[in-house]
Amino acid sequence: MAQKLRTLQVKAKEKGGKITTAGRRGLKKGQFALPDGDRPGVKGKYPIDTVGRARNALARVSQHGTSTEKRKVRAAVKRKFPSIGVSPEGIQGAKMRRYGKRY
């Protein structure tokens, strides 16, 4: 009898609406937009295990990320949550196109 294999999505533990350290450590590498292992015990940057955290990852990387990080995070969010409209130039670029001015 063949068993159905399914991937288990782990949701991070929260306290007061914020992710806890234990919850962040419990996430898998695939649940981060930038999975990397430069530092011991750190699985990656920008957790995208929920829609809210994916939106937050887009906001944080647009503020603090390099152009390469921005491109990778946008691609990861678009791949995991296609319902979130991610433009190639990011949120600020979309606003500039729409309103014709810089924010």
PDB file of N, CA and C in Angstrom:
ATOM      1  N   MET A   1       0.847  -1.169   0.000  1.00  0.00           N
ATOM      2  CA  MET A   1       0.000   0.000   0.000  1.00  0.00           C
ATOM      3  C   MET A   1       0.899   1.241   0.000  1.00  0.00           C
ATOM      4  N   ALA A   2       0.706   2.053  -0.984  1.00  0.00           N
ATOM      5  CA  ALA A   2       1.525   3.268  -1.098  1.00  0.00           C
ATOM      6  C   ALA A   2       0.971   4.358  -0.186  1.00  0.00           C
ATOM      7  N   GLN A   3       1.867   4.979   0.528  1.00  0.00           N
ATOM      8  CA  GLN A   3       1.459   6.077   1.403  1.00  0.00           C
ATOM      9  C   GLN A   3       1.617   7.389   0.656  1.00  0.00           C
ATOM     10  N   LYS A   4       0.717   8.278   0.930  1.00  0.00           N
ATOM     11  CA  LYS A   4       0.816   9.601   0.318  1.00  0.00           C
ATOM     12  C   LYS A   4       1.825  10.427   1.101  1.00  0.00           C
ATOM     13  N   LEU A   5       2.784  10.972   0.382  1.00  0.00           N
ATOM     14  CA  LEU A   5       3.761  11.848   1.012  1.00  0.00           C
ATOM     15  C   LEU A   5       3.280  13.275   0.896  1.00  0.00           C
ATOM     16  N   ARG A   6       3.349  13.977   1.971  1.00  0.00           N
ATOM     17  CA  ARG A   6       2.959  15.384   1.912  1.00  0.00           C
ATOM     18  C   ARG A   6       3.978  16.199   2.683  1.00  0.00           C
ATOM     19  N   THR A   7       4.195  17.383   2.222  1.00  0.00           N
ATOM     20  CA  THR A   7       5.157  18.240   2.896  1.00  0.00           C
ATOM     21  C   THR A   7       4.473  18.921   4.060  1.00  0.00           C
ATOM     22  N   LEU A   8       5.134  18.937   5.146  1.00  0.00           N
ATOM     23  CA  LEU A   8       4.599  19.540   6.353  1.00  0.00           C
ATOM     24  C   LEU A   8       5.111  20.968   6.460  1.00  0.00           C
ATOM     25  N   GLN A   9       4.212  21.920   6.420  1.00  0.00           N
ATOM     26  CA  GLN A   9       4.581  23.319   6.566  1.00  0.00           C
ATOM     27  C   GLN A   9       4.537  23.671   8.046  1.00  0.00           C
ATOM     28  N   VAL A  10       5.652  24.081   8.577  1.00  0.00           N
ATOM     29  CA  VAL A  10       5.744  24.440   9.981  1.00  0.00           C
ATOM     30  C   VAL A  10       5.477  25.926  10.108  1.00  0.00           C
ATOM     31  N   LYS A  11       4.557  26.281  10.989  1.00  0.00           N
ATOM     32  CA  LYS A  11       4.289  27.683  11.246  1.00  0.00           C
ATOM     33  C   LYS A  11       5.065  28.086  12.491  1.00  0.00           C
ATOM     34  N   ALA A  12       5.709  29.204  12.430  1.00  0.00           N
ATOM     35  CA  ALA A  12       6.545  29.662  13.535  1.00  0.00           C
ATOM     36  C   ALA A  12       5.707  29.994  14.755  1.00  0.00           C
ATOM     37  N   LYS A  13       6.273  29.735  15.918  1.00  0.00           N
ATOM     38  CA  LYS A  13       5.595  30.072  17.164  1.00  0.00           C
ATOM     39  C   LYS A  13       5.589  31.576  17.327  1.00  0.00           C
ATOM     40  N   GLU A  14       4.484  32.078  17.853  1.00  0.00           N
ATOM     41  CA  GLU A  14       4.345  33.514  18.041  1.00  0.00           C
ATOM     42  C   GLU A  14       4.001  33.820  19.480  1.00  0.00           C
ATOM     43  N   LYS A  15       4.382  35.002  19.890  1.00  0.00           N
ATOM     44  CA  LYS A  15       4.006  35.503  21.207  1.00  0.00           C
ATOM     45  C   LYS A  15       3.685  36.971  21.026  1.00  0.00           C
ATOM     46  N   GLY A  16       2.453  37.341  21.287  1.00  0.00           N
ATOM     47  CA  GLY A  16       2.051  38.730  21.098  1.00  0.00           C
ATOM     48  C   GLY A  16       2.071  39.163  19.641  1.00  0.00           C
ATOM     49  N   GLY A  17       1.844  38.221  18.725  1.00  0.00           N
ATOM     50  CA  GLY A  17       1.812  38.548  17.305  1.00  0.00           C
ATOM     51  C   GLY A  17       3.181  38.619  16.650  1.00  0.00           C
ATOM     52  N   LYS A  18       4.251  38.372  17.414  1.00  0.00           N
ATOM     53  CA  LYS A  18       5.606  38.414  16.856  1.00  0.00           C
ATOM     54  C   LYS A  18       6.223  37.031  16.913  1.00  0.00           C
ATOM     55  N   ILE A  19       7.088  36.757  15.976  1.00  0.00           N
ATOM     56  CA  ILE A  19       7.745  35.461  15.913  1.00  0.00           C
ATOM     57  C   ILE A  19       8.743  35.353  17.067  1.00  0.00           C
ATOM     58  N   THR A  20       8.776  34.186  17.708  1.00  0.00           N
ATOM     59  CA  THR A  20       9.718  33.973  18.796  1.00  0.00           C
ATOM     60  C   THR A  20      11.021  33.414  18.240  1.00  0.00           C
ATOM     61  N   THR A  21      12.064  33.459  19.045  1.00  0.00           N
ATOM     62  CA  THR A  21      13.349  32.908  18.622  1.00  0.00           C
ATOM     63  C   THR A  21      13.224  31.418  18.357  1.00  0.00           C
ATOM     64  N   ALA A  22      12.523  30.727  19.241  1.00  0.00           N
ATOM     65  CA  ALA A  22      12.324  29.284  19.051  1.00  0.00           C
ATOM     66  C   ALA A  22      11.507  29.017  17.789  1.00  0.00           C
ATOM     67  N   GLY A  23      10.533  29.859  17.532  1.00  0.00           N
ATOM     68  CA  GLY A  23       9.727  29.711  16.327  1.00  0.00           C
ATOM     69  C   GLY A  23      10.531  29.930  15.069  1.00  0.00           C
ATOM     70  N   ARG A  24      11.410  30.920  15.088  1.00  0.00           N
ATOM     71  CA  ARG A  24      12.256  31.197  13.928  1.00  0.00           C
ATOM     72  C   ARG A  24      13.232  30.048  13.686  1.00  0.00           C
ATOM     73  N   ARG A  25      13.788  29.512  14.767  1.00  0.00           N
ATOM     74  CA  ARG A  25      14.719  28.390  14.630  1.00  0.00           C
ATOM     75  C   ARG A  25      14.002  27.133  14.163  1.00  0.00           C
ATOM     76  N   GLY A  26      12.718  27.024  14.442  1.00  0.00           N
ATOM     77  CA  GLY A  26      11.945  25.858  14.033  1.00  0.00           C
ATOM     78  C   GLY A  26      11.558  25.844  12.569  1.00  0.00           C
ATOM     79  N   LEU A  27      11.702  26.975  11.891  1.00  0.00           N
ATOM     80  CA  LEU A  27      11.366  27.032  10.466  1.00  0.00           C
ATOM     81  C   LEU A  27      12.402  26.279   9.646  1.00  0.00           C
ATOM     82  N   LYS A  28      11.960  25.769   8.522  1.00  0.00           N
ATOM     83  CA  LYS A  28      12.872  25.085   7.612  1.00  0.00           C
ATOM     84  C   LYS A  28      13.550  26.107   6.714  1.00  0.00           C
ATOM     85  N   LYS A  29      14.668  25.700   6.102  1.00  0.00           N
ATOM     86  CA  LYS A  29      15.403  26.614   5.215  1.00  0.00           C
ATOM     87  C   LYS A  29      14.542  27.124   4.069  1.00  0.00           C
ATOM     88  N   GLY A  30      13.648  26.281   3.578  1.00  0.00           N
ATOM     89  CA  GLY A  30      12.790  26.658   2.460  1.00  0.00           C
ATOM     90  C   GLY A  30      11.731  27.686   2.817  1.00  0.00           C
ATOM     91  N   GLN A  31      11.573  27.981   4.105  1.00  0.00           N
ATOM     92  CA  GLN A  31      10.580  28.956   4.533  1.00  0.00           C
ATOM     93  C   GLN A  31      11.183  30.347   4.715  1.00  0.00           C
ATOM     94  N   PHE A  32      12.409  30.517   4.254  1.00  0.00           N
ATOM     95  CA  PHE A  32      13.060  31.820   4.251  1.00  0.00           C
ATOM     96  C   PHE A  32      13.244  32.263   2.812  1.00  0.00           C
ATOM     97  N   ALA A  33      13.155  33.563   2.575  1.00  0.00           N
ATOM     98  CA  ALA A  33      13.344  34.076   1.217  1.00  0.00           C
ATOM     99  C   ALA A  33      14.805  33.966   0.804  1.00  0.00           C
ATOM    100  N   LEU A  34      15.709  34.144   1.748  1.00  0.00           N
ATOM    101  CA  LEU A  34      17.139  34.009   1.478  1.00  0.00           C
ATOM    102  C   LEU A  34      17.727  32.951   2.408  1.00  0.00           C
ATOM    103  N   PRO A  35      17.611  31.673   2.043  1.00  0.00           N
ATOM    104  CA  PRO A  35      18.201  30.652   2.902  1.00  0.00           C
ATOM    105  C   PRO A  35      19.717  30.654   2.742  1.00  0.00           C
ATOM    106  N   ASP A  36      20.410  30.882   3.834  1.00  0.00           N
ATOM    107  CA  ASP A  36      21.864  30.836   3.786  1.00  0.00           C
ATOM    108  C   ASP A  36      22.387  30.430   5.150  1.00  0.00           C
ATOM    109  N   GLY A  37      23.591  30.001   5.180  1.00  0.00           N
ATOM    110  CA  GLY A  37      24.152  29.534   6.423  1.00  0.00           C
ATOM    111  C   GLY A  37      25.468  30.209   6.766  1.00  0.00           C
ATOM    112  N   ASP A  38      25.519  31.533   6.654  1.00  0.00           N
ATOM    113  CA  ASP A  38      26.781  32.205   6.977  1.00  0.00           C
ATOM    114  C   ASP A  38      27.081  32.120   8.468  1.00  0.00           C
ATOM    115  N   ARG A  39      26.033  32.213   9.278  1.00  0.00           N
ATOM    116  CA  ARG A  39      26.240  32.210  10.720  1.00  0.00           C
ATOM    117  C   ARG A  39      25.690  30.917  11.308  1.00  0.00           C
ATOM    118  N   PRO A  40      26.359  30.391  12.308  1.00  0.00           N
ATOM    119  CA  PRO A  40      25.868  29.153  12.919  1.00  0.00           C
ATOM    120  C   PRO A  40      24.532  29.368  13.617  1.00  0.00           C
ATOM    121  N   GLY A  41      23.615  28.450  13.406  1.00  0.00           N
ATOM    122  CA  GLY A  41      22.304  28.530  14.032  1.00  0.00           C
ATOM    123  C   GLY A  41      21.297  29.378  13.279  1.00  0.00           C
ATOM    124  N   VAL A  42      21.721  30.077  12.232  1.00  0.00           N
ATOM    125  CA  VAL A  42      20.819  30.926  11.452  1.00  0.00           C
ATOM    126  C   VAL A  42      20.550  30.236  10.119  1.00  0.00           C
ATOM    127  N   LYS A  43      19.279  29.979   9.841  1.00  0.00           N
ATOM    128  CA  LYS A  43      18.919  29.266   8.612  1.00  0.00           C
ATOM    129  C   LYS A  43      18.728  30.191   7.430  1.00  0.00           C
ATOM    130  N   GLY A  44      18.430  31.466   7.684  1.00  0.00           N
ATOM    131  CA  GLY A  44      18.225  32.376   6.582  1.00  0.00           C
ATOM    132  C   GLY A  44      17.682  33.713   7.021  1.00  0.00           C
ATOM    133  N   LYS A  45      17.425  34.572   6.033  1.00  0.00           N
ATOM    134  CA  LYS A  45      16.878  35.903   6.281  1.00  0.00           C
ATOM    135  C   LYS A  45      15.479  35.984   5.689  1.00  0.00           C
ATOM    136  N   TYR A  46      14.676  36.850   6.223  1.00  0.00           N
ATOM    137  CA  TYR A  46      13.348  37.155   5.713  1.00  0.00           C
ATOM    138  C   TYR A  46      12.424  35.926   5.680  1.00  0.00           C
ATOM    139  N   PRO A  47      11.861  35.537   6.824  1.00  0.00           N
ATOM    140  CA  PRO A  47      10.940  34.398   6.835  1.00  0.00           C
ATOM    141  C   PRO A  47       9.688  34.694   6.018  1.00  0.00           C
ATOM    142  N   ILE A  48       9.259  33.699   5.223  1.00  0.00           N
ATOM    143  CA  ILE A  48       8.064  33.863   4.392  1.00  0.00           C
ATOM    144  C   ILE A  48       7.130  32.667   4.592  1.00  0.00           C
ATOM    145  N   ASP A  49       6.962  32.252   5.849  1.00  0.00           N
ATOM    146  CA  ASP A  49       6.096  31.106   6.122  1.00  0.00           C
ATOM    147  C   ASP A  49       4.623  31.468   6.088  1.00  0.00           C
ATOM    148  N   THR A  50       4.280  32.741   6.212  1.00  0.00           N
ATOM    149  CA  THR A  50       2.886  33.186   6.111  1.00  0.00           C
ATOM    150  C   THR A  50       2.806  34.350   5.127  1.00  0.00           C
ATOM    151  N   VAL A  51       1.596  34.681   4.707  1.00  0.00           N
ATOM    152  CA  VAL A  51       1.410  35.796   3.773  1.00  0.00           C
ATOM    153  C   VAL A  51       1.867  37.111   4.412  1.00  0.00           C
ATOM    154  N   GLY A  52       1.548  37.292   5.679  1.00  0.00           N
ATOM    155  CA  GLY A  52       1.942  38.519   6.371  1.00  0.00           C
ATOM    156  C   GLY A  52       3.455  38.680   6.442  1.00  0.00           C
ATOM    157  N   ARG A  53       4.145  37.579   6.725  1.00  0.00           N
ATOM    158  CA  ARG A  53       5.607  37.657   6.805  1.00  0.00           C
ATOM    159  C   ARG A  53       6.218  37.837   5.418  1.00  0.00           C
ATOM    160  N   ALA A  54       5.569  37.307   4.397  1.00  0.00           N
ATOM    161  CA  ALA A  54       6.056  37.508   3.032  1.00  0.00           C
ATOM    162  C   ALA A  54       5.947  38.982   2.646  1.00  0.00           C
ATOM    163  N   ARG A  55       4.831  39.613   3.004  1.00  0.00           N
ATOM    164  CA  ARG A  55       4.683  41.047   2.736  1.00  0.00           C
ATOM    165  C   ARG A  55       5.725  41.856   3.514  1.00  0.00           C
ATOM    166  N   ASN A  56       5.956  41.437   4.763  1.00  0.00           N
ATOM    167  CA  ASN A  56       6.941  42.123   5.583  1.00  0.00           C
ATOM    168  C   ASN A  56       8.351  41.940   5.017  1.00  0.00           C
ATOM    169  N   ALA A  57       8.637  40.762   4.483  1.00  0.00           N
ATOM    170  CA  ALA A  57       9.942  40.517   3.868  1.00  0.00           C
ATOM    171  C   ALA A  57      10.161  41.456   2.682  1.00  0.00           C
ATOM    172  N   LEU A  58       9.111  41.665   1.890  1.00  0.00           N
ATOM    173  CA  LEU A  58       9.220  42.600   0.762  1.00  0.00           C
ATOM    174  C   LEU A  58       9.502  44.019   1.246  1.00  0.00           C
ATOM    175  N   ALA A  59       8.826  44.417   2.312  1.00  0.00           N
ATOM    176  CA  ALA A  59       9.022  45.765   2.848  1.00  0.00           C
ATOM    177  C   ALA A  59      10.422  45.931   3.416  1.00  0.00           C
ATOM    178  N   ARG A  60      10.892  44.943   4.192  1.00  0.00           N
ATOM    179  CA  ARG A  60      12.220  45.052   4.824  1.00  0.00           C
ATOM    180  C   ARG A  60      13.336  45.030   3.799  1.00  0.00           C
ATOM    181  N   VAL A  61      13.216  44.164   2.800  1.00  0.00           N
ATOM    182  CA  VAL A  61      14.288  44.084   1.813  1.00  0.00           C
ATOM    183  C   VAL A  61      14.310  45.339   0.947  1.00  0.00           C
ATOM    184  N   SER A  62      13.165  45.972   0.726  1.00  0.00           N
ATOM    185  CA  SER A  62      13.166  47.215  -0.051  1.00  0.00           C
ATOM    186  C   SER A  62      13.826  48.339   0.733  1.00  0.00           C
ATOM    187  N   GLN A  63      13.804  48.260   2.059  1.00  0.00           N
ATOM    188  CA  GLN A  63      14.456  49.264   2.891  1.00  0.00           C
ATOM    189  C   GLN A  63      15.944  49.002   3.071  1.00  0.00           C
ATOM    190  N   HIS A  64      16.310  47.739   3.310  1.00  0.00           N
ATOM    191  CA  HIS A  64      17.666  47.444   3.761  1.00  0.00           C
ATOM    192  C   HIS A  64      18.463  46.504   2.871  1.00  0.00           C
ATOM    193  N   GLY A  65      17.856  45.933   1.866  1.00  0.00           N
ATOM    194  CA  GLY A  65      18.542  44.917   1.073  1.00  0.00           C
ATOM    195  C   GLY A  65      19.321  45.484  -0.099  1.00  0.00           C
ATOM    196  N   THR A  66      20.277  44.688  -0.560  1.00  0.00           N
ATOM    197  CA  THR A  66      21.017  45.036  -1.768  1.00  0.00           C
ATOM    198  C   THR A  66      20.132  44.727  -2.977  1.00  0.00           C
ATOM    199  N   SER A  67      20.564  45.142  -4.142  1.00  0.00           N
ATOM    200  CA  SER A  67      19.746  44.893  -5.336  1.00  0.00           C
ATOM    201  C   SER A  67      19.617  43.391  -5.615  1.00  0.00           C
ATOM    202  N   THR A  68      20.657  42.627  -5.346  1.00  0.00           N
ATOM    203  CA  THR A  68      20.593  41.177  -5.532  1.00  0.00           C
ATOM    204  C   THR A  68      19.618  40.552  -4.547  1.00  0.00           C
ATOM    205  N   GLU A  69      19.673  40.989  -3.283  1.00  0.00           N
ATOM    206  CA  GLU A  69      18.742  40.472  -2.280  1.00  0.00           C
ATOM    207  C   GLU A  69      17.301  40.815  -2.641  1.00  0.00           C
ATOM    208  N   LYS A  70      17.078  42.028  -3.117  1.00  0.00           N
ATOM    209  CA  LYS A  70      15.726  42.442  -3.502  1.00  0.00           C
ATOM    210  C   LYS A  70      15.174  41.538  -4.601  1.00  0.00           C
ATOM    211  N   ARG A  71      16.006  41.261  -5.591  1.00  0.00           N
ATOM    212  CA  ARG A  71      15.573  40.416  -6.708  1.00  0.00           C
ATOM    213  C   ARG A  71      15.240  39.010  -6.223  1.00  0.00           C
ATOM    214  N   LYS A  72      16.085  38.448  -5.359  1.00  0.00           N
ATOM    215  CA  LYS A  72      15.869  37.086  -4.863  1.00  0.00           C
ATOM    216  C   LYS A  72      14.637  36.989  -3.961  1.00  0.00           C
ATOM    217  N   VAL A  73      14.436  37.988  -3.103  1.00  0.00           N
ATOM    218  CA  VAL A  73      13.284  37.964  -2.201  1.00  0.00           C
ATOM    219  C   VAL A  73      11.998  38.104  -3.002  1.00  0.00           C
ATOM    220  N   ARG A  74      11.965  39.015  -3.964  1.00  0.00           N
ATOM    221  CA  ARG A  74      10.770  39.168  -4.803  1.00  0.00           C
ATOM    222  C   ARG A  74      10.440  37.868  -5.529  1.00  0.00           C
ATOM    223  N   ALA A  75      11.469  37.205  -6.037  1.00  0.00           N
ATOM    224  CA  ALA A  75      11.242  35.946  -6.757  1.00  0.00           C
ATOM    225  C   ALA A  75      10.711  34.865  -5.816  1.00  0.00           C
ATOM    226  N   ALA A  76      11.270  34.784  -4.608  1.00  0.00           N
ATOM    227  CA  ALA A  76      10.828  33.772  -3.641  1.00  0.00           C
ATOM    228  C   ALA A  76       9.381  34.009  -3.210  1.00  0.00           C
ATOM    229  N   VAL A  77       9.041  35.272  -2.970  1.00  0.00           N
ATOM    230  CA  VAL A  77       7.674  35.592  -2.551  1.00  0.00           C
ATOM    231  C   VAL A  77       6.699  35.324  -3.695  1.00  0.00           C
ATOM    232  N   LYS A  78       7.076  35.697  -4.892  1.00  0.00           N
ATOM    233  CA  LYS A  78       6.202  35.470  -6.044  1.00  0.00           C
ATOM    234  C   LYS A  78       5.995  33.975  -6.294  1.00  0.00           C
ATOM    235  N   ARG A  79       7.040  33.180  -6.079  1.00  0.00           N
ATOM    236  CA  ARG A  79       6.947  31.738  -6.271  1.00  0.00           C
ATOM    237  C   ARG A  79       6.047  31.089  -5.211  1.00  0.00           C
ATOM    238  N   LYS A  80       6.174  31.546  -3.961  1.00  0.00           N
ATOM    239  CA  LYS A  80       5.417  30.922  -2.879  1.00  0.00           C
ATOM    240  C   LYS A  80       4.003  31.474  -2.748  1.00  0.00           C
ATOM    241  N   PHE A  81       3.841  32.774  -2.962  1.00  0.00           N
ATOM    242  CA  PHE A  81       2.532  33.420  -2.845  1.00  0.00           C
ATOM    243  C   PHE A  81       2.246  34.230  -4.105  1.00  0.00           C
ATOM    244  N   PRO A  82       1.787  33.582  -5.173  1.00  0.00           N
ATOM    245  CA  PRO A  82       1.524  34.303  -6.420  1.00  0.00           C
ATOM    246  C   PRO A  82       0.406  35.337  -6.296  1.00  0.00           C
ATOM    247  N   SER A  83      -0.418  35.210  -5.251  1.00  0.00           N
ATOM    248  CA  SER A  83      -1.511  36.167  -5.077  1.00  0.00           C
ATOM    249  C   SER A  83      -1.014  37.556  -4.669  1.00  0.00           C
ATOM    250  N   ILE A  84       0.201  37.616  -4.123  1.00  0.00           N
ATOM    251  CA  ILE A  84       0.774  38.917  -3.774  1.00  0.00           C
ATOM    252  C   ILE A  84       1.365  39.496  -5.045  1.00  0.00           C
ATOM    253  N   GLY A  85       0.878  40.641  -5.443  1.00  0.00           N
ATOM    254  CA  GLY A  85       1.374  41.278  -6.655  1.00  0.00           C
ATOM    255  C   GLY A  85       2.751  41.876  -6.441  1.00  0.00           C
ATOM    256  N   VAL A  86       3.766  41.243  -7.005  1.00  0.00           N
ATOM    257  CA  VAL A  86       5.138  41.706  -6.860  1.00  0.00           C
ATOM    258  C   VAL A  86       5.602  42.199  -8.215  1.00  0.00           C
ATOM    259  N   SER A  87       5.913  43.479  -8.282  1.00  0.00           N
ATOM    260  CA  SER A  87       6.428  44.009  -9.543  1.00  0.00           C
ATOM    261  C   SER A  87       7.940  43.852  -9.559  1.00  0.00           C
ATOM    262  N   PRO A  88       8.547  43.728 -10.734  1.00  0.00           N
ATOM    263  CA  PRO A  88       9.992  43.532 -10.806  1.00  0.00           C
ATOM    264  C   PRO A  88      10.793  44.671 -10.182  1.00  0.00           C
ATOM    265  N   GLU A  89      10.282  45.893 -10.249  1.00  0.00           N
ATOM    266  CA  GLU A  89      11.029  47.021  -9.692  1.00  0.00           C
ATOM    267  C   GLU A  89      10.668  47.303  -8.244  1.00  0.00           C
ATOM    268  N   GLY A  90       9.752  46.559  -7.695  1.00  0.00           N
ATOM    269  CA  GLY A  90       9.415  46.707  -6.287  1.00  0.00           C
ATOM    270  C   GLY A  90       8.295  47.699  -6.051  1.00  0.00           C
ATOM    271  N   ILE A  91       7.995  47.904  -4.789  1.00  0.00           N
ATOM    272  CA  ILE A  91       6.880  48.755  -4.399  1.00  0.00           C
ATOM    273  C   ILE A  91       7.142  50.211  -4.744  1.00  0.00           C
ATOM    274  N   GLN A  92       8.338  50.704  -4.445  1.00  0.00           N
ATOM    275  CA  GLN A  92       8.642  52.102  -4.724  1.00  0.00           C
ATOM    276  C   GLN A  92       8.590  52.401  -6.222  1.00  0.00           C
ATOM    277  N   GLY A  93       9.108  51.475  -7.036  1.00  0.00           N
ATOM    278  CA  GLY A  93       9.075  51.671  -8.482  1.00  0.00           C
ATOM    279  C   GLY A  93       7.659  51.700  -9.024  1.00  0.00           C
ATOM    280  N   ALA A  94       6.795  50.867  -8.459  1.00  0.00           N
ATOM    281  CA  ALA A  94       5.398  50.850  -8.892  1.00  0.00           C
ATOM    282  C   ALA A  94       4.702  52.149  -8.530  1.00  0.00           C
ATOM    283  N   LYS A  95       5.000  52.704  -7.356  1.00  0.00           N
ATOM    284  CA  LYS A  95       4.422  53.991  -6.965  1.00  0.00           C
ATOM    285  C   LYS A  95       4.911  55.098  -7.882  1.00  0.00           C
ATOM    286  N   MET A  96       6.197  55.065  -8.231  1.00  0.00           N
ATOM    287  CA  MET A  96       6.738  56.097  -9.120  1.00  0.00           C
ATOM    288  C   MET A  96       6.052  56.040 -10.480  1.00  0.00           C
ATOM    289  N   ARG A  97       5.832  54.812 -10.976  1.00  0.00           N
ATOM    290  CA  ARG A  97       5.164  54.665 -12.263  1.00  0.00           C
ATOM    291  C   ARG A  97       3.741  55.186 -12.196  1.00  0.00           C
ATOM    292  N   ARG A  98       3.062  54.884 -11.100  1.00  0.00           N
ATOM    293  CA  ARG A  98       1.658  55.265 -10.972  1.00  0.00           C
ATOM    294  C   ARG A  98       1.499  56.753 -10.785  1.00  0.00           C
ATOM    295  N   TYR A  99       2.274  57.346  -9.897  1.00  0.00           N
ATOM    296  CA  TYR A  99       2.061  58.747  -9.552  1.00  0.00           C
ATOM    297  C   TYR A  99       3.058  59.710 -10.179  1.00  0.00           C
ATOM    298  N   GLY A 100       4.098  59.191 -10.799  1.00  0.00           N
ATOM    299  CA  GLY A 100       5.066  60.038 -11.482  1.00  0.00           C
ATOM    300  C   GLY A 100       5.936  60.851 -10.563  1.00  0.00           C
ATOM    301  N   LYS A 101       6.074  60.436  -9.331  1.00  0.00           N
ATOM    302  CA  LYS A 101       6.962  61.156  -8.418  1.00  0.00           C
ATOM    303  C   LYS A 101       7.635  60.176  -7.476  1.00  0.00           C
ATOM    304  N   ARG A 102       8.644  60.626  -6.819  1.00  0.00           N
ATOM    305  CA  ARG A 102       9.434  59.779  -5.919  1.00  0.00           C
ATOM    306  C   ARG A 102       8.938  59.907  -4.495  1.00  0.00           C
ATOM    307  N   TYR A 103       8.915  58.814  -3.767  1.00  0.00           N
ATOM    308  CA  TYR A 103       8.500  58.832  -2.365  1.00  0.00           C
ATOM    309  C   TYR A 103       9.680  58.667  -1.470  1.00  0.00           C
TER     310      TYR A 103
END
